[in-house]
Amino acid sequence: LFKTDMAGVIEKVVVLPEEVNAIQLRFGFEGVAAEGDYVVVAFQRAWGDDTNPRIGLYNTVDESWKFLFYPLDEPESQNGGWVGLSDITALGDGKFLVLERDNQGGPDAAIKRIYSIDLGDLSAAEDGSLIEKTLVRDLMSDLKATGGQTLEKLEGMALLDNEVWIMNDNDAVDDNSGETQLMNLGGIISADTAPAEPSSEVTDPPAGDDTDSTEDTVEEVAVKEDAVEEVEEDASASLGVALYHSIFVAFVAVLVSLL
């Protein structure tokens, strides 16, 4: 993991514990998310003798790691292949979306799915425990709806205004069409999975305050409308940054694995 300033200058490099790094394979960090004091990373596939890939929890305060294990689906493609993790997106309150896929495309593609996991209080998560997951969306119908080849490498996922966006890595290689798709899946997360909405409760003015506040109220509404427009503009920019960040992390992971 690299911590940079806004200009991209590296300020800190975070490495894995020696015992974990010793079993490293090239199928490493594929997704990264931030939750409170923690950075949460999704390993693409299992390392060493592990049965399942790890979800790593890095505590930025005491600079410690702990690892949970994510139960992958078994391969279902007529062409075999493997199944791995592609991205992880924080929803808040210890909840995350996880993008799971096989390494098959076109008519051989079978597993392109979004699951939700609830890790609760990350500081209380038990090191080495097995995660439970819940299916949110099978993406095969969405990918087939375009009428083209079913994309193999769904590797980017972001959340904007409770709508989930996904994006593929076109790999720029001979056995890939070179097509890049950015797809809005809409509000597919359930109420118990979605991030908590801020309270919109309206409070009455204090008793005894008989002043006419109509003018102030109109001004306040105008200010709020301006603020909402700014938030929407910032949110749109954040989506592009989040998707670019997912692809950048995958790129860095590949470079590190080749060194």
Protein backbone atom coordinates (compact mmCIF):
# COMPACT_ATOMS: atom_id res chain seq x y z
CA LEU A 1 0.00 0.00 0.00
CA PHE A 2 1.21 3.51 -0.83
CA LYS A 3 0.12 6.64 1.02
CA THR A 4 0.57 9.74 -1.12
CA ASP A 5 -0.12 13.42 -0.82
CA MET A 6 -2.45 15.22 -3.24
CA ALA A 7 0.45 15.69 -5.68
CA GLY A 8 1.11 11.95 -5.81
CA VAL A 9 4.30 12.08 -3.76
CA ILE A 10 4.72 8.86 -1.76
CA GLU A 11 4.72 9.57 1.97
CA LYS A 12 4.50 6.03 3.35
CA VAL A 13 4.80 2.43 2.13
CA VAL A 14 2.87 -0.25 4.01
CA VAL A 15 4.07 -3.83 3.63
CA LEU A 16 2.59 -7.14 4.73
CA PRO A 17 3.80 -9.08 7.77
CA GLU A 18 6.82 -11.26 6.92
CA GLU A 19 4.95 -14.54 7.43
CA VAL A 20 2.26 -13.49 4.96
CA ASN A 21 4.64 -11.96 2.46
CA ALA A 22 6.60 -15.23 2.46
CA ILE A 23 3.69 -17.04 0.76
CA GLN A 24 3.01 -14.23 -1.71
CA LEU A 25 1.72 -15.06 -5.19
CA ARG A 26 1.00 -12.70 -8.06
CA PHE A 27 -2.72 -12.76 -7.25
CA GLY A 28 -2.39 -10.03 -4.64
CA PHE A 29 -4.18 -6.81 -3.68
CA GLU A 30 -7.03 -6.41 -6.14
CA GLY A 31 -9.31 -4.02 -4.26
CA VAL A 32 -8.86 -1.42 -1.53
CA ALA A 33 -11.31 0.56 0.63
CA ALA A 34 -11.12 2.88 3.64
CA GLU A 35 -13.26 2.48 6.75
CA GLY A 36 -12.54 4.67 9.77
CA ASP A 37 -9.00 4.00 10.98
CA TYR A 38 -8.68 0.97 8.71
CA VAL A 39 -7.61 0.28 5.16
CA VAL A 40 -9.31 -2.89 3.89
CA VAL A 41 -7.77 -4.85 1.02
CA ALA A 42 -9.13 -7.77 -0.99
CA PHE A 43 -6.64 -10.41 -2.13
CA GLN A 44 -7.58 -11.76 -5.55
CA ARG A 45 -6.91 -15.43 -4.77
CA ALA A 46 -5.70 -17.66 -1.97
CA TRP A 47 -1.98 -17.73 -1.18
CA GLY A 48 0.12 -20.70 -0.08
CA ASP A 49 -1.92 -23.34 1.72
CA ASP A 50 -4.84 -20.97 2.35
CA THR A 51 -8.21 -22.36 1.26
CA ASN A 52 -9.72 -18.93 0.64
CA PRO A 53 -8.42 -15.47 -0.27
CA ARG A 54 -7.78 -12.99 2.50
CA ILE A 55 -9.48 -9.74 3.37
CA GLY A 56 -6.73 -7.72 5.03
CA LEU A 57 -7.51 -5.13 7.70
CA TYR A 58 -4.72 -2.61 8.24
CA ASN A 59 -4.99 -0.40 11.31
CA THR A 60 -3.50 2.98 10.39
CA VAL A 61 -3.23 4.00 14.06
CA ASP A 62 -1.15 1.14 15.50
CA GLU A 63 0.10 0.00 12.05
CA SER A 64 -0.99 -3.60 12.55
CA TRP A 65 -2.56 -6.19 10.23
CA LYS A 66 -5.15 -8.87 10.73
CA PHE A 67 -6.75 -11.10 8.14
CA LEU A 68 -10.17 -12.60 7.54
CA PHE A 69 -10.96 -15.21 4.91
CA TYR A 70 -13.54 -14.82 2.15
CA PRO A 71 -15.38 -17.96 0.84
CA LEU A 72 -15.25 -17.91 -2.96
CA ASP A 73 -17.86 -19.58 -5.15
CA GLU A 74 -16.71 -22.75 -6.90
CA PRO A 75 -16.01 -22.40 -10.65
CA GLU A 76 -19.10 -22.96 -12.80
CA SER A 77 -17.78 -22.23 -16.30
CA GLN A 78 -17.91 -24.92 -18.98
CA ASN A 79 -14.27 -24.00 -19.58
CA GLY A 80 -13.19 -24.42 -15.95
CA GLY A 81 -10.87 -21.65 -14.85
CA TRP A 82 -10.72 -20.02 -11.44
CA VAL A 83 -12.78 -17.60 -9.32
CA GLY A 84 -11.33 -14.61 -7.49
CA LEU A 85 -12.02 -11.18 -6.00
CA SER A 86 -11.84 -7.98 -8.04
CA ASP A 87 -12.85 -5.07 -5.83
CA ILE A 88 -14.23 -4.05 -2.45
CA THR A 89 -16.31 -0.95 -1.68
CA ALA A 90 -17.05 0.44 1.79
CA LEU A 91 -20.67 1.17 2.73
CA GLY A 92 -20.01 2.31 6.29
CA ASP A 93 -20.66 0.66 9.67
CA GLY A 94 -18.37 -2.25 8.77
CA LYS A 95 -20.38 -3.20 5.68
CA PHE A 96 -18.81 -3.72 2.26
CA LEU A 97 -19.68 -4.75 -1.28
CA VAL A 98 -17.35 -7.32 -2.87
CA LEU A 99 -16.98 -7.93 -6.60
CA GLU A 100 -16.39 -11.63 -7.35
CA ARG A 101 -15.71 -13.08 -10.81
CA ASP A 102 -14.28 -15.97 -12.77
CA ASN A 103 -11.50 -15.60 -15.34
CA GLN A 104 -13.75 -16.50 -18.27
CA GLY A 105 -15.32 -14.29 -20.92
CA GLY A 106 -17.78 -14.56 -23.79
CA PRO A 107 -19.83 -17.81 -23.80
CA ASP A 108 -17.56 -19.30 -21.12
CA ALA A 109 -18.29 -16.61 -18.52
CA ALA A 110 -20.37 -17.85 -15.58
CA ILE A 111 -19.57 -15.96 -12.37
CA LYS A 112 -19.77 -12.16 -12.25
CA ARG A 113 -21.40 -11.31 -8.92
CA ILE A 114 -21.63 -8.67 -6.23
CA TYR A 115 -21.86 -9.85 -2.62
CA SER A 116 -22.26 -7.93 0.62
CA ILE A 117 -20.30 -8.67 3.79
CA ASP A 118 -20.78 -7.25 7.28
CA LEU A 119 -17.59 -7.16 9.34
CA GLY A 120 -19.13 -5.07 12.13
CA ASP A 121 -16.66 -3.25 14.37
CA LEU A 122 -13.36 -3.76 12.55
CA SER A 123 -11.38 -3.40 15.77
CA ALA A 124 -13.28 -6.41 17.16
CA ALA A 125 -13.01 -8.57 14.03
CA GLU A 126 -11.39 -11.90 14.90
CA ASP A 127 -8.14 -12.59 13.09
CA GLY A 128 -8.39 -15.71 10.92
CA SER A 129 -12.19 -15.91 10.95
CA LEU A 130 -14.28 -16.93 7.92
CA ILE A 131 -16.59 -14.25 6.51
CA GLU A 132 -20.25 -14.80 5.68
CA LYS A 133 -21.51 -13.25 2.44
CA THR A 134 -24.90 -12.40 0.92
CA LEU A 135 -25.63 -12.21 -2.81
CA VAL A 136 -26.60 -8.70 -3.93
CA ARG A 137 -26.58 -9.07 -7.71
CA ASP A 138 -25.74 -11.67 -10.34
CA LEU A 139 -24.29 -9.51 -13.13
CA MET A 140 -24.53 -12.00 -15.99
CA SER A 141 -27.86 -10.61 -17.25
CA ASP A 142 -26.53 -7.05 -17.09
CA LEU A 143 -23.45 -7.98 -19.11
CA LYS A 144 -25.40 -9.96 -21.70
CA ALA A 145 -27.91 -7.12 -22.17
CA THR A 146 -25.39 -5.15 -24.26
CA GLY A 147 -25.55 -7.79 -27.00
CA GLY A 148 -21.77 -8.09 -27.14
CA GLN A 149 -19.26 -10.49 -25.65
CA THR A 150 -19.62 -11.00 -21.90
CA LEU A 151 -16.69 -9.15 -20.37
CA GLU A 152 -14.20 -11.21 -18.42
CA LYS A 153 -12.47 -8.76 -16.11
CA LEU A 154 -14.90 -6.74 -14.03
CA GLU A 155 -12.36 -5.04 -11.80
CA GLY A 156 -13.78 -1.69 -10.72
CA MET A 157 -16.75 -0.88 -8.47
CA ALA A 158 -17.91 2.36 -6.83
CA LEU A 159 -20.93 3.67 -4.95
CA LEU A 160 -22.48 7.06 -5.74
CA ASP A 161 -25.79 8.24 -4.24
CA ASN A 162 -26.61 4.61 -3.31
CA GLU A 163 -26.18 3.57 -6.94
CA VAL A 164 -23.55 0.96 -7.81
CA TRP A 165 -21.24 1.46 -10.79
CA ILE A 166 -18.97 -1.21 -12.27
CA MET A 167 -16.18 -1.08 -14.82
CA ASN A 168 -14.04 -3.63 -16.61
CA ASP A 169 -10.31 -3.81 -17.27
CA ASN A 170 -9.81 -4.22 -21.02
CA ASP A 171 -6.23 -5.46 -20.49
CA ALA A 172 -5.10 -4.13 -23.91
CA VAL A 173 -3.96 -7.59 -24.99
CA ASP A 174 -4.58 -9.68 -28.11
CA ASP A 175 -7.18 -11.98 -26.53
CA ASN A 176 -9.35 -9.08 -25.35
CA SER A 177 -11.73 -6.97 -27.43
CA GLY A 178 -10.22 -3.80 -25.97
CA GLU A 179 -13.69 -2.59 -25.00
CA THR A 180 -14.14 -0.67 -21.77
CA GLN A 181 -17.61 -0.41 -20.26
CA LEU A 182 -18.78 1.79 -17.40
CA MET A 183 -22.15 0.51 -16.21
CA ASN A 184 -24.64 1.99 -13.73
CA LEU A 185 -26.53 -0.79 -11.95
CA GLY A 186 -28.79 1.65 -10.11
CA GLY A 187 -29.94 1.35 -6.51
CA ILE A 188 -29.38 -2.39 -6.12
CA ILE A 189 -28.44 -2.45 -2.45
CA SER A 190 -31.13 -3.17 0.13
CA ALA A 191 -32.14 -0.82 2.92
CA ASP A 192 -30.26 -2.83 5.56
CA THR A 193 -27.10 -2.77 3.44
CA ALA A 194 -27.22 0.82 2.20
CA PRO A 195 -25.23 3.53 4.02
CA ALA A 196 -27.18 5.35 6.70
CA GLU A 197 -28.92 8.47 5.43
CA PRO A 198 -28.45 11.73 7.35
CA SER A 199 -31.48 12.78 9.40
CA SER A 200 -33.93 15.10 7.65
CA GLU A 201 -36.04 15.79 10.75
CA VAL A 202 -37.27 19.37 10.98
CA THR A 203 -37.16 20.94 14.45
CA ASP A 204 -39.51 23.67 15.57
CA PRO A 205 -38.13 27.05 16.64
CA PRO A 206 -37.69 27.57 20.39
CA ALA A 207 -40.86 28.40 22.29
CA GLY A 208 -41.43 32.08 22.84
CA ASP A 209 -39.60 33.12 19.67
CA ASP A 210 -42.33 35.12 17.91
CA THR A 211 -40.03 36.88 15.43
CA ASP A 212 -40.83 36.62 11.73
CA SER A 213 -38.11 34.33 10.29
CA THR A 214 -39.56 33.95 6.78
CA GLU A 215 -36.78 35.96 5.12
CA ASP A 216 -34.04 34.07 6.96
CA THR A 217 -35.66 30.74 6.03
CA VAL A 218 -35.69 31.61 2.32
CA GLU A 219 -32.04 32.58 2.50
CA GLU A 220 -31.18 29.36 4.31
CA VAL A 221 -32.97 27.30 1.66
CA ALA A 222 -31.03 29.06 -1.10
CA VAL A 223 -27.76 28.36 0.67
CA LYS A 224 -28.70 24.69 1.11
CA GLU A 225 -29.61 24.35 -2.56
CA ASP A 226 -26.22 25.77 -3.53
CA ALA A 227 -24.55 23.33 -1.14
CA VAL A 228 -26.45 20.39 -2.64
CA GLU A 229 -25.32 21.36 -6.13
CA GLU A 230 -21.71 21.50 -4.94
CA VAL A 231 -22.04 18.07 -3.29
CA GLU A 232 -23.51 16.57 -6.47
CA GLU A 233 -20.62 17.98 -8.52
CA ASP A 234 -18.10 16.63 -5.98
CA ALA A 235 -19.85 13.24 -5.96
CA SER A 236 -19.67 12.96 -9.76
CA ALA A 237 -15.96 13.71 -9.64
CA SER A 238 -15.51 11.20 -6.80
CA LEU A 239 -17.00 8.42 -8.93
CA GLY A 240 -14.39 8.90 -11.62
CA VAL A 241 -11.62 9.04 -9.01
CA ALA A 242 -12.90 5.88 -7.29
CA LEU A 243 -13.03 3.89 -10.52
CA TYR A 244 -9.61 5.18 -11.63
CA HIS A 245 -8.26 4.33 -8.17
CA SER A 246 -9.47 0.72 -8.42
CA ILE A 247 -7.73 0.30 -11.79
CA PHE A 248 -4.59 2.05 -10.50
CA VAL A 249 -4.38 -0.26 -7.45
CA ALA A 250 -4.69 -3.31 -9.69
CA PHE A 251 -1.96 -1.90 -11.96
CA VAL A 252 0.40 -1.27 -9.02
CA ALA A 253 -0.28 -4.78 -7.67
CA VAL A 254 0.71 -6.27 -11.02
CA LEU A 255 3.90 -4.19 -11.17
CA VAL A 256 4.87 -5.25 -7.63
CA SER A 257 4.26 -8.91 -8.46
CA LEU A 258 6.58 -8.65 -11.47
CA LEU A 259 9.46 -7.10 -9.51
